[in-house]
PDB file of N, CA and C in Angstrom:
ATOM      1  N   UNK A   1     104.315  89.739 108.762  1.00  0.00           N
ATOM      2  CA  UNK A   1     102.905  89.202 108.488  1.00  0.00           C
ATOM      3  C   UNK A   1     102.226  89.122 109.858  1.00  0.00           C
ATOM      4  N   UNK A   2     101.510  90.190 110.221  1.00  0.00           N
ATOM      5  CA  UNK A   2     100.829  90.196 111.512  1.00  0.00           C
ATOM      6  C   UNK A   2      99.547  89.228 111.457  1.00  0.00           C
ATOM      7  N   UNK A   3      99.184  88.807 110.279  1.00  0.00           N
ATOM      8  CA  UNK A   3      97.999  87.858 110.198  1.00  0.00           C
ATOM      9  C   UNK A   3      98.281  86.613 111.006  1.00  0.00           C
ATOM     10  N   UNK A   4      99.425  86.105 111.047  1.00  0.00           N
ATOM     11  CA  UNK A   4      99.746  84.862 111.811  1.00  0.00           C
ATOM     12  C   UNK A   4      99.618  85.160 113.321  1.00  0.00           C
ATOM     13  N   UNK A   5     100.038  86.329 113.724  1.00  0.00           N
ATOM     14  CA  UNK A   5      99.827  86.716 115.155  1.00  0.00           C
ATOM     15  C   UNK A   5      98.326  86.817 115.470  1.00  0.00           C
ATOM     16  N   UNK A   6      97.551  87.355 114.576  1.00  0.00           N
ATOM     17  CA  UNK A   6      96.140  87.362 114.717  1.00  0.00           C
ATOM     18  C   UNK A   6      95.515  85.998 114.860  1.00  0.00           C
ATOM     19  N   UNK A   7      95.995  85.100 113.987  1.00  0.00           N
ATOM     20  CA  UNK A   7      95.507  83.740 114.067  1.00  0.00           C
ATOM     21  C   UNK A   7      95.899  82.987 115.372  1.00  0.00           C
ATOM     22  N   UNK A   8      97.056  83.349 115.866  1.00  0.00           N
ATOM     23  CA  UNK A   8      97.463  82.791 117.170  1.00  0.00           C
ATOM     24  C   UNK A   8      96.568  83.322 118.300  1.00  0.00           C
ATOM     25  N   UNK A   9      96.150  84.514 118.212  1.00  0.00           N
ATOM     26  CA  UNK A   9      95.252  85.121 119.199  1.00  0.00           C
ATOM     27  C   UNK A   9      93.834  84.417 119.102  1.00  0.00           C
ATOM     28  N   UNK A  10      93.415  84.221 117.878  1.00  0.00           N
ATOM     29  CA  UNK A  10      92.165  83.535 117.642  1.00  0.00           C
ATOM     30  C   UNK A  10      92.245  82.124 118.220  1.00  0.00           C
ATOM     31  N   UNK A  11      93.334  81.488 117.970  1.00  0.00           N
ATOM     32  CA  UNK A  11      93.611  80.092 118.513  1.00  0.00           C
ATOM     33  C   UNK A  11      93.520  80.102 120.094  1.00  0.00           C
ATOM     34  N   UNK A  12      94.120  81.124 120.737  1.00  0.00           N
ATOM     35  CA  UNK A  12      94.051  81.194 122.169  1.00  0.00           C
ATOM     36  C   UNK A  12      92.632  81.404 122.632  1.00  0.00           C
ATOM     37  N   UNK A  13      91.832  82.165 121.963  1.00  0.00           N
ATOM     38  CA  UNK A  13      90.432  82.392 122.323  1.00  0.00           C
ATOM     39  C   UNK A  13      89.624  81.092 122.162  1.00  0.00           C
ATOM     40  N   UNK A  14      89.838  80.377 121.034  1.00  0.00           N
ATOM     41  CA  UNK A  14      89.176  79.129 120.840  1.00  0.00           C
ATOM     42  C   UNK A  14      89.525  78.135 121.864  1.00  0.00           C
ATOM     43  N   UNK A  15      90.829  77.980 122.161  1.00  0.00           N
ATOM     44  CA  UNK A  15      91.327  77.024 123.238  1.00  0.00           C
ATOM     45  C   UNK A  15      90.691  77.369 124.556  1.00  0.00           C
ATOM     46  N   UNK A  16      90.573  78.644 124.900  1.00  0.00           N
ATOM     47  CA  UNK A  16      90.037  79.046 126.153  1.00  0.00           C
ATOM     48  C   UNK A  16      88.499  78.654 126.231  1.00  0.00           C
ATOM     49  N   UNK A  17      87.804  78.917 125.190  1.00  0.00           N
ATOM     50  CA  UNK A  17      86.364  78.601 125.155  1.00  0.00           C
ATOM     51  C   UNK A  17      86.158  77.084 125.161  1.00  0.00           C
ATOM     52  N   UNK A  18      87.039  76.365 124.482  1.00  0.00           N
ATOM     53  CA  UNK A  18      86.951  74.891 124.454  1.00  0.00           C
ATOM     54  C   UNK A  18      87.130  74.360 125.900  1.00  0.00           C
ATOM     55  N   UNK A  19      88.069  74.820 126.608  1.00  0.00           N
ATOM     56  CA  UNK A  19      88.291  74.442 127.982  1.00  0.00           C
ATOM     57  C   UNK A  19      87.164  74.740 128.910  1.00  0.00           C
ATOM     58  N   UNK A  20      86.557  75.913 128.781  1.00  0.00           N
ATOM     59  CA  UNK A  20      85.465  76.320 129.583  1.00  0.00           C
ATOM     60  C   UNK A  20      84.191  75.684 129.175  1.00  0.00           C
ATOM     61  N   UNK A  21      84.007  75.546 127.889  1.00  0.00           N
ATOM     62  CA  UNK A  21      82.706  74.939 127.366  1.00  0.00           C
ATOM     63  C   UNK A  21      82.687  73.463 127.221  1.00  0.00           C
ATOM     64  N   UNK A  22      83.809  72.803 127.424  1.00  0.00           N
ATOM     65  CA  UNK A  22      83.895  71.323 127.422  1.00  0.00           C
ATOM     66  C   UNK A  22      83.666  70.743 126.007  1.00  0.00           C
ATOM     67  N   UNK A  23      83.992  71.424 124.898  1.00  0.00           N
ATOM     68  CA  UNK A  23      83.879  70.767 123.635  1.00  0.00           C
ATOM     69  C   UNK A  23      85.261  70.500 123.072  1.00  0.00           C
ATOM     70  N   UNK A  24      85.336  69.499 122.192  1.00  0.00           N
ATOM     71  CA  UNK A  24      86.632  69.025 121.728  1.00  0.00           C
ATOM     72  C   UNK A  24      86.901  69.460 120.276  1.00  0.00           C
ATOM     73  N   UNK A  25      85.829  69.849 119.506  1.00  0.00           N
ATOM     74  CA  UNK A  25      86.037  70.142 118.127  1.00  0.00           C
ATOM     75  C   UNK A  25      85.275  71.368 117.703  1.00  0.00           C
ATOM     76  N   UNK A  26      85.870  72.205 116.881  1.00  0.00           N
ATOM     77  CA  UNK A  26      85.149  73.374 116.259  1.00  0.00           C
ATOM     78  C   UNK A  26      85.037  73.012 114.821  1.00  0.00           C
ATOM     79  N   UNK A  27      83.748  73.078 114.311  1.00  0.00           N
ATOM     80  CA  UNK A  27      83.495  72.753 112.913  1.00  0.00           C
ATOM     81  C   UNK A  27      83.609  73.989 112.082  1.00  0.00           C
ATOM     82  N   UNK A  28      83.294  75.155 112.595  1.00  0.00           N
ATOM     83  CA  UNK A  28      83.219  76.375 111.764  1.00  0.00           C
ATOM     84  C   UNK A  28      83.599  77.564 112.637  1.00  0.00           C
ATOM     85  N   UNK A  29      84.404  78.494 112.095  1.00  0.00           N
ATOM     86  CA  UNK A  29      84.726  79.736 112.763  1.00  0.00           C
ATOM     87  C   UNK A  29      84.328  80.812 111.773  1.00  0.00           C
ATOM     88  N   UNK A  30      83.495  81.788 112.267  1.00  0.00           N
ATOM     89  CA  UNK A  30      83.080  82.900 111.450  1.00  0.00           C
ATOM     90  C   UNK A  30      83.699  84.188 112.042  1.00  0.00           C
ATOM     91  N   UNK A  31      84.374  84.934 111.089  1.00  0.00           N
ATOM     92  CA  UNK A  31      85.000  86.195 111.526  1.00  0.00           C
ATOM     93  C   UNK A  31      84.346  87.323 110.772  1.00  0.00           C
ATOM     94  N   UNK A  32      84.392  88.462 111.485  1.00  0.00           N
ATOM     95  CA  UNK A  32      84.000  89.698 110.791  1.00  0.00           C
ATOM     96  C   UNK A  32      85.285  90.574 110.713  1.00  0.00           C
ATOM     97  N   UNK A  33      85.618  90.977 109.500  1.00  0.00           N
ATOM     98  CA  UNK A  33      86.841  91.761 109.318  1.00  0.00           C
ATOM     99  C   UNK A  33      86.376  93.082 108.705  1.00  0.00           C
ATOM    100  N   UNK A  34      86.664  94.170 109.389  1.00  0.00           N
ATOM    101  CA  UNK A  34      86.409  95.475 108.887  1.00  0.00           C
ATOM    102  C   UNK A  34      87.211  95.874 107.660  1.00  0.00           C
ATOM    103  N   UNK A  35      86.583  96.665 106.835  1.00  0.00           N
ATOM    104  CA  UNK A  35      87.235  97.158 105.620  1.00  0.00           C
ATOM    105  C   UNK A  35      88.535  97.869 105.939  1.00  0.00           C
ATOM    106  N   UNK A  36      88.581  98.511 107.104  1.00  0.00           N
ATOM    107  CA  UNK A  36      89.822  99.262 107.482  1.00  0.00           C
ATOM    108  C   UNK A  36      90.674  98.542 108.528  1.00  0.00           C
ATOM    109  N   UNK A  37      90.435  97.223 108.659  1.00  0.00           N
ATOM    110  CA  UNK A  37      91.164  96.507 109.722  1.00  0.00           C
ATOM    111  C   UNK A  37      92.590  96.169 109.366  1.00  0.00           C
ATOM    112  N   UNK A  38      93.020  96.493 108.124  1.00  0.00           N
ATOM    113  CA  UNK A  38      94.383  96.237 107.679  1.00  0.00           C
ATOM    114  C   UNK A  38      94.834  94.768 107.807  1.00  0.00           C
ATOM    115  N   UNK A  39      93.920  93.896 107.316  1.00  0.00           N
ATOM    116  CA  UNK A  39      94.111  92.484 107.326  1.00  0.00           C
ATOM    117  C   UNK A  39      94.109  91.926 105.929  1.00  0.00           C
ATOM    118  N   UNK A  40      95.198  91.219 105.530  1.00  0.00           N
ATOM    119  CA  UNK A  40      95.199  90.569 104.245  1.00  0.00           C
ATOM    120  C   UNK A  40      94.496  89.255 104.331  1.00  0.00           C
ATOM    121  N   UNK A  41      93.367  89.085 103.791  1.00  0.00           N
ATOM    122  CA  UNK A  41      92.439  87.912 103.970  1.00  0.00           C
ATOM    123  C   UNK A  41      93.163  86.626 103.495  1.00  0.00           C
ATOM    124  N   UNK A  42      93.827  86.645 102.371  1.00  0.00           N
ATOM    125  CA  UNK A  42      94.522  85.398 101.971  1.00  0.00           C
ATOM    126  C   UNK A  42      95.594  84.952 102.966  1.00  0.00           C
ATOM    127  N   UNK A  43      96.320  85.923 103.504  1.00  0.00           N
ATOM    128  CA  UNK A  43      97.393  85.580 104.468  1.00  0.00           C
ATOM    129  C   UNK A  43      96.736  85.118 105.779  1.00  0.00           C
ATOM    130  N   UNK A  44      95.607  85.713 106.126  1.00  0.00           N
ATOM    131  CA  UNK A  44      94.836  85.240 107.346  1.00  0.00           C
ATOM    132  C   UNK A  44      94.400  83.810 107.124  1.00  0.00           C
ATOM    133  N   UNK A  45      93.866  83.463 105.962  1.00  0.00           N
ATOM    134  CA  UNK A  45      93.402  82.065 105.725  1.00  0.00           C
ATOM    135  C   UNK A  45      94.615  81.073 105.836  1.00  0.00           C
ATOM    136  N   UNK A  46      95.716  81.450 105.263  1.00  0.00           N
ATOM    137  CA  UNK A  46      96.881  80.615 105.409  1.00  0.00           C
ATOM    138  C   UNK A  46      97.318  80.473 106.839  1.00  0.00           C
ATOM    139  N   UNK A  47      97.384  81.595 107.481  1.00  0.00           N
ATOM    140  CA  UNK A  47      97.836  81.551 108.919  1.00  0.00           C
ATOM    141  C   UNK A  47      96.839  80.805 109.835  1.00  0.00           C
ATOM    142  N   UNK A  48      95.581  80.896 109.461  1.00  0.00           N
ATOM    143  CA  UNK A  48      94.504  80.119 110.234  1.00  0.00           C
ATOM    144  C   UNK A  48      94.772  78.625 110.207  1.00  0.00           C
ATOM    145  N   UNK A  49      95.067  78.146 108.982  1.00  0.00           N
ATOM    146  CA  UNK A  49      95.334  76.671 108.861  1.00  0.00           C
ATOM    147  C   UNK A  49      96.607  76.310 109.598  1.00  0.00           C
ATOM    148  N   UNK A  50      97.577  77.120 109.661  1.00  0.00           N
ATOM    149  CA  UNK A  50      98.850  76.812 110.308  1.00  0.00           C
ATOM    150  C   UNK A  50      98.584  76.883 111.869  1.00  0.00           C
ATOM    151  N   UNK A  51      97.973  77.986 112.340  1.00  0.00           N
ATOM    152  CA  UNK A  51      97.820  78.176 113.797  1.00  0.00           C
ATOM    153  C   UNK A  51      96.813  77.214 114.424  1.00  0.00           C
ATOM    154  N   UNK A  52      95.900  76.637 113.691  1.00  0.00           N
ATOM    155  CA  UNK A  52      94.898  75.786 114.255  1.00  0.00           C
ATOM    156  C   UNK A  52      95.341  74.325 114.399  1.00  0.00           C
ATOM    157  N   UNK A  53      96.518  74.008 113.751  1.00  0.00           N
ATOM    158  CA  UNK A  53      96.981  72.589 113.846  1.00  0.00           C
ATOM    159  C   UNK A  53      97.148  72.126 115.291  1.00  0.00           C
ATOM    160  N   UNK A  54      96.636  70.932 115.476  1.00  0.00           N
ATOM    161  CA  UNK A  54      96.735  70.286 116.802  1.00  0.00           C
ATOM    162  C   UNK A  54      95.719  70.757 117.830  1.00  0.00           C
ATOM    163  N   UNK A  55      94.817  71.658 117.470  1.00  0.00           N
ATOM    164  CA  UNK A  55      93.869  72.201 118.381  1.00  0.00           C
ATOM    165  C   UNK A  55      92.452  71.816 118.003  1.00  0.00           C
ATOM    166  N   UNK A  56      91.494  72.298 118.752  1.00  0.00           N
ATOM    167  CA  UNK A  56      90.062  71.955 118.478  1.00  0.00           C
ATOM    168  C   UNK A  56      89.552  72.511 117.218  1.00  0.00           C
ATOM    169  N   UNK A  57      90.167  73.490 116.592  1.00  0.00           N
ATOM    170  CA  UNK A  57      89.731  74.047 115.317  1.00  0.00           C
ATOM    171  C   UNK A  57      90.564  73.623 114.119  1.00  0.00           C
ATOM    172  N   UNK A  58      91.318  72.476 114.344  1.00  0.00           N
ATOM    173  CA  UNK A  58      92.278  72.085 113.284  1.00  0.00           C
ATOM    174  C   UNK A  58      91.611  71.836 111.937  1.00  0.00           C
ATOM    175  N   UNK A  59      90.460  71.305 111.903  1.00  0.00           N
ATOM    176  CA  UNK A  59      89.779  71.005 110.643  1.00  0.00           C
ATOM    177  C   UNK A  59      88.584  72.012 110.438  1.00  0.00           C
ATOM    178  N   UNK A  60      88.564  73.084 111.138  1.00  0.00           N
ATOM    179  CA  UNK A  60      87.421  74.001 111.105  1.00  0.00           C
ATOM    180  C   UNK A  60      87.379  74.775 109.798  1.00  0.00           C
ATOM    181  N   UNK A  61      86.129  74.912 109.283  1.00  0.00           N
ATOM    182  CA  UNK A  61      85.905  75.794 108.092  1.00  0.00           C
ATOM    183  C   UNK A  61      86.007  77.209 108.594  1.00  0.00           C
ATOM    184  N   UNK A  62      86.661  78.059 107.825  1.00  0.00           N
ATOM    185  CA  UNK A  62      86.782  79.513 108.143  1.00  0.00           C
ATOM    186  C   UNK A  62      85.889  80.251 107.196  1.00  0.00           C
ATOM    187  N   UNK A  63      84.929  81.026 107.834  1.00  0.00           N
ATOM    188  CA  UNK A  63      84.054  81.951 107.067  1.00  0.00           C
ATOM    189  C   UNK A  63      84.385  83.345 107.485  1.00  0.00           C
ATOM    190  N   UNK A  64      84.577  84.150 106.397  1.00  0.00           N
ATOM    191  CA  UNK A  64      84.980  85.566 106.652  1.00  0.00           C
ATOM    192  C   UNK A  64      83.936  86.485 106.060  1.00  0.00           C
ATOM    193  N   UNK A  65      83.463  87.356 106.823  1.00  0.00           N
ATOM    194  CA  UNK A  65      82.531  88.398 106.363  1.00  0.00           C
ATOM    195  C   UNK A  65      83.229  89.788 106.463  1.00  0.00           C
ATOM    196  N   UNK A  66      83.182  90.477 105.361  1.00  0.00           N
ATOM    197  CA  UNK A  66      83.844  91.818 105.369  1.00  0.00           C
ATOM    198  C   UNK A  66      82.809  92.902 105.767  1.00  0.00           C
ATOM    199  N   UNK A  67      83.127  93.699 106.713  1.00  0.00           N
ATOM    200  CA  UNK A  67      82.231  94.730 107.213  1.00  0.00           C
ATOM    201  C   UNK A  67      82.661  96.044 106.605  1.00  0.00           C
ATOM    202  N   UNK A  68      81.704  96.740 105.978  1.00  0.00           N
ATOM    203  CA  UNK A  68      82.043  98.037 105.357  1.00  0.00           C
ATOM    204  C   UNK A  68      82.385  99.055 106.453  1.00  0.00           C
ATOM    205  N   UNK A  69      83.122 100.075 106.018  1.00  0.00           N
ATOM    206  CA  UNK A  69      83.495 101.114 106.956  1.00  0.00           C
ATOM    207  C   UNK A  69      82.341 102.119 107.115  1.00  0.00           C
ATOM    208  N   UNK A  70      82.110 102.506 108.359  1.00  0.00           N
ATOM    209  CA  UNK A  70      81.104 103.510 108.635  1.00  0.00           C
ATOM    210  C   UNK A  70      81.732 104.700 109.401  1.00  0.00           C
ATOM    211  N   UNK A  71      81.055 105.793 109.310  1.00  0.00           N
ATOM    212  CA  UNK A  71      81.589 106.954 109.944  1.00  0.00           C
ATOM    213  C   UNK A  71      80.434 107.875 110.307  1.00  0.00           C
ATOM    214  N   UNK A  72      80.763 108.852 111.202  1.00  0.00           N
ATOM    215  CA  UNK A  72      79.818 109.887 111.567  1.00  0.00           C
ATOM    216  C   UNK A  72      80.267 111.211 111.038  1.00  0.00           C
ATOM    217  N   UNK A  73      79.421 111.878 110.286  1.00  0.00           N
ATOM    218  CA  UNK A  73      79.749 113.167 109.717  1.00  0.00           C
ATOM    219  C   UNK A  73      79.305 114.239 110.708  1.00  0.00           C
ATOM    220  N   UNK A  74      80.254 114.955 111.208  1.00  0.00           N
ATOM    221  CA  UNK A  74      80.007 116.065 112.193  1.00  0.00           C
ATOM    222  C   UNK A  74      79.309 117.257 111.550  1.00  0.00           C
ATOM    223  N   UNK A  75      79.496 117.448 110.222  1.00  0.00           N
ATOM    224  CA  UNK A  75      78.889 118.562 109.545  1.00  0.00           C
ATOM    225  C   UNK A  75      77.427 118.390 109.383  1.00  0.00           C
ATOM    226  N   UNK A  76      77.003 117.225 108.884  1.00  0.00           N
ATOM    227  CA  UNK A  76      75.580 116.995 108.598  1.00  0.00           C
ATOM    228  C   UNK A  76      74.890 116.086 109.626  1.00  0.00           C
ATOM    229  N   UNK A  77      75.676 115.683 110.672  1.00  0.00           N
ATOM    230  CA  UNK A  77      75.136 114.941 111.822  1.00  0.00           C
ATOM    231  C   UNK A  77      74.407 113.679 111.425  1.00  0.00           C
ATOM    232  N   UNK A  78      75.109 112.850 110.542  1.00  0.00           N
ATOM    233  CA  UNK A  78      74.439 111.608 110.159  1.00  0.00           C
ATOM    234  C   UNK A  78      75.496 110.514 109.968  1.00  0.00           C
ATOM    235  N   UNK A  79      75.052 109.281 110.133  1.00  0.00           N
ATOM    236  CA  UNK A  79      75.979 108.160 109.862  1.00  0.00           C
ATOM    237  C   UNK A  79      76.086 107.977 108.353  1.00  0.00           C
ATOM    238  N   UNK A  80      77.363 107.659 107.912  1.00  0.00           N
ATOM    239  CA  UNK A  80      77.604 107.441 106.515  1.00  0.00           C
ATOM    240  C   UNK A  80      78.504 106.244 106.296  1.00  0.00           C
ATOM    241  N   UNK A  81      78.535 105.671 105.122  1.00  0.00           N
ATOM    242  CA  UNK A  81      79.440 104.624 104.695  1.00  0.00           C
ATOM    243  C   UNK A  81      80.494 105.245 103.834  1.00  0.00           C
ATOM    244  N   UNK A  82      81.746 104.907 104.083  1.00  0.00           N
ATOM    245  CA  UNK A  82      82.853 105.529 103.317  1.00  0.00           C
ATOM    246  C   UNK A  82      83.677 104.383 102.665  1.00  0.00           C
ATOM    247  N   UNK A  83      84.340 104.656 101.593  1.00  0.00           N
ATOM    248  CA  UNK A  83      85.164 103.665 100.938  1.00  0.00           C
ATOM    249  C   UNK A  83      86.588 103.663 101.352  1.00  0.00           C
ATOM    250  N   UNK A  84      87.138 104.774 101.751  1.00  0.00           N
ATOM    251  CA  UNK A  84      88.510 104.944 102.147  1.00  0.00           C
ATOM    252  C   UNK A  84      88.621 105.939 103.312  1.00  0.00           C
ATOM    253  N   UNK A  85      89.651 105.687 104.136  1.00  0.00           N
ATOM    254  CA  UNK A  85      89.915 106.756 105.202  1.00  0.00           C
ATOM    255  C   UNK A  85      90.151 108.116 104.477  1.00  0.00           C
ATOM    256  N   UNK A  86      89.705 109.124 105.118  1.00  0.00           N
ATOM    257  CA  UNK A  86      89.889 110.497 104.635  1.00  0.00           C
ATOM    258  C   UNK A  86      89.000 110.835 103.453  1.00  0.00           C
ATOM    259  N   UNK A  87      88.086 109.900 103.141  1.00  0.00           N
ATOM    260  CA  UNK A  87      87.089 110.280 102.048  1.00  0.00           C
ATOM    261  C   UNK A  87      86.171 111.390 102.660  1.00  0.00           C
ATOM    262  N   UNK A  88      85.611 112.220 101.804  1.00  0.00           N
ATOM    263  CA  UNK A  88      84.671 113.170 102.298  1.00  0.00           C
ATOM    264  C   UNK A  88      83.309 112.526 102.526  1.00  0.00           C
ATOM    265  N   UNK A  89      82.483 113.177 103.269  1.00  0.00           N
ATOM    266  CA  UNK A  89      81.114 112.649 103.512  1.00  0.00           C
ATOM    267  C   UNK A  89      80.389 112.492 102.186  1.00  0.00           C
ATOM    268  N   UNK A  90      79.817 111.380 101.878  1.00  0.00           N
ATOM    269  CA  UNK A  90      79.142 111.214 100.630  1.00  0.00           C
ATOM    270  C   UNK A  90      77.837 111.984 100.572  1.00  0.00           C
ATOM    271  N   UNK A  91      77.353 112.484 101.658  1.00  0.00           N
ATOM    272  CA  UNK A  91      76.066 113.288 101.741  1.00  0.00           C
ATOM    273  C   UNK A  91      76.372 114.749 101.510  1.00  0.00           C
ATOM    274  N   UNK A  92      77.385 115.315 102.253  1.00  0.00           N
ATOM    275  CA  UNK A  92      77.536 116.786 102.170  1.00  0.00           C
ATOM    276  C   UNK A  92      78.909 117.205 101.664  1.00  0.00           C
ATOM    277  N   UNK A  93      79.837 116.266 101.532  1.00  0.00           N
ATOM    278  CA  UNK A  93      81.205 116.598 101.016  1.00  0.00           C
ATOM    279  C   UNK A  93      82.172 117.079 102.127  1.00  0.00           C
ATOM    280  N   UNK A  94      81.736 117.161 103.394  1.00  0.00           N
ATOM    281  CA  UNK A  94      82.647 117.551 104.444  1.00  0.00           C
ATOM    282  C   UNK A  94      83.678 116.543 104.768  1.00  0.00           C
ATOM    283  N   UNK A  95      84.859 116.997 105.173  1.00  0.00           N
ATOM    284  CA  UNK A  95      85.898 116.088 105.608  1.00  0.00           C
ATOM    285  C   UNK A  95      85.934 115.942 107.125  1.00  0.00           C
ATOM    286  N   UNK A  96      84.939 116.417 107.832  1.00  0.00           N
ATOM    287  CA  UNK A  96      84.836 116.347 109.247  1.00  0.00           C
ATOM    288  C   UNK A  96      84.049 115.019 109.609  1.00  0.00           C
ATOM    289  N   UNK A  97      84.711 113.919 109.381  1.00  0.00           N
ATOM    290  CA  UNK A  97      84.017 112.634 109.656  1.00  0.00           C
ATOM    291  C   UNK A  97      84.910 111.845 110.577  1.00  0.00           C
ATOM    292  N   UNK A  98      84.269 111.000 111.359  1.00  0.00           N
ATOM    293  CA  UNK A  98      85.005 110.114 112.315  1.00  0.00           C
ATOM    294  C   UNK A  98      84.567 108.672 112.045  1.00  0.00           C
ATOM    295  N   UNK A  99      85.570 107.830 111.822  1.00  0.00           N
ATOM    296  CA  UNK A  99      85.305 106.407 111.634  1.00  0.00           C
ATOM    297  C   UNK A  99      84.652 105.835 112.860  1.00  0.00           C
ATOM    298  N   UNK A 100      83.494 105.131 112.655  1.00  0.00           N
ATOM    299  CA  UNK A 100      82.846 104.516 113.801  1.00  0.00           C
ATOM    300  C   UNK A 100      82.748 103.028 113.700  1.00  0.00           C
ATOM    301  N   UNK A 101      83.098 102.423 112.612  1.00  0.00           N
ATOM    302  CA  UNK A 101      83.043 100.968 112.438  1.00  0.00           C
ATOM    303  C   UNK A 101      83.795 100.544 111.172  1.00  0.00           C
ATOM    304  N   UNK A 102      83.959  99.201 111.091  1.00  0.00           N
ATOM    305  CA  UNK A 102      84.671  98.715 109.981  1.00  0.00           C
ATOM    306  C   UNK A 102      86.207  98.708 110.139  1.00  0.00           C
ATOM    307  N   UNK A 103      86.667  98.838 111.389  1.00  0.00           N
ATOM    308  CA  UNK A 103      88.151  98.882 111.557  1.00  0.00           C
ATOM    309  C   UNK A 103      88.611  97.858 112.527  1.00  0.00           C
ATOM    310  N   UNK A 104      87.786  96.800 112.719  1.00  0.00           N
ATOM    311  CA  UNK A 104      88.138  95.767 113.671  1.00  0.00           C
ATOM    312  C   UNK A 104      87.971  94.337 113.092  1.00  0.00           C
ATOM    313  N   UNK A 105      88.563  93.421 113.799  1.00  0.00           N
ATOM    314  CA  UNK A 105      88.448  91.954 113.505  1.00  0.00           C
ATOM    315  C   UNK A 105      87.825  91.368 114.708  1.00  0.00           C
ATOM    316  N   UNK A 106      86.777  90.510 114.561  1.00  0.00           N
ATOM    317  CA  UNK A 106      86.214  89.852 115.681  1.00  0.00           C
ATOM    318  C   UNK A 106      85.705  88.481 115.268  1.00  0.00           C
ATOM    319  N   UNK A 107      85.702  87.605 116.256  1.00  0.00           N
ATOM    320  CA  UNK A 107      85.075  86.272 116.068  1.00  0.00           C
ATOM    321  C   UNK A 107      83.555  86.478 116.279  1.00  0.00           C
ATOM    322  N   UNK A 108      82.918  86.231 115.200  1.00  0.00           N
ATOM    323  CA  UNK A 108      81.407  86.415 115.230  1.00  0.00           C
ATOM    324  C   UNK A 108      80.714  85.229 115.826  1.00  0.00           C
ATOM    325  N   UNK A 109      81.195  83.957 115.479  1.00  0.00           N
ATOM    326  CA  UNK A 109      80.621  82.786 115.985  1.00  0.00           C
ATOM    327  C   UNK A 109      81.466  81.620 115.774  1.00  0.00           C
ATOM    328  N   UNK A 110      81.158  80.540 116.488  1.00  0.00           N
ATOM    329  CA  UNK A 110      81.840  79.193 116.335  1.00  0.00           C
ATOM    330  C   UNK A 110      80.810  78.127 116.384  1.00  0.00           C
ATOM    331  N   UNK A 111      80.848  77.219 115.494  1.00  0.00           N
ATOM    332  CA  UNK A 111      80.068  75.995 115.559  1.00  0.00           C
ATOM    333  C   UNK A 111      80.898  74.922 116.163  1.00  0.00           C
ATOM    334  N   UNK A 112      80.386  74.274 117.225  1.00  0.00           N
ATOM    335  CA  UNK A 112      81.234  73.306 117.964  1.00  0.00           C
ATOM    336  C   UNK A 112      80.481  71.960 118.019  1.00  0.00           C
ATOM    337  N   UNK A 113      81.298  70.888 118.180  1.00  0.00           N
ATOM    338  CA  UNK A 113      80.756  69.531 118.325  1.00  0.00           C
ATOM    339  C   UNK A 113      81.023  69.113 119.733  1.00  0.00           C
TER     340      UNK A 113
END
């Protein structure tokens, strides 16, 4: 379950920002998770609660926004949205596409007290 390792990394980032920013409590953490990020959201939610214990984000609300996958079609030279890796371009049917987004997890924002 790599989601717990992801949550531990999120915890480290939050702790670092709390130390630099001088805040003691995080009320809300907003994440963006790409459609192709290979993250199980339910496992991440569970891991978040476990990893945040005893830290500034212990009681934080977790908000998750799913980011659709985007790609660049080399054949028709346009950005497209795709549903799965290796899908053809929805505009021209070409398989010459490169994923350009929707494959990452990032902390979008934190609300602190």
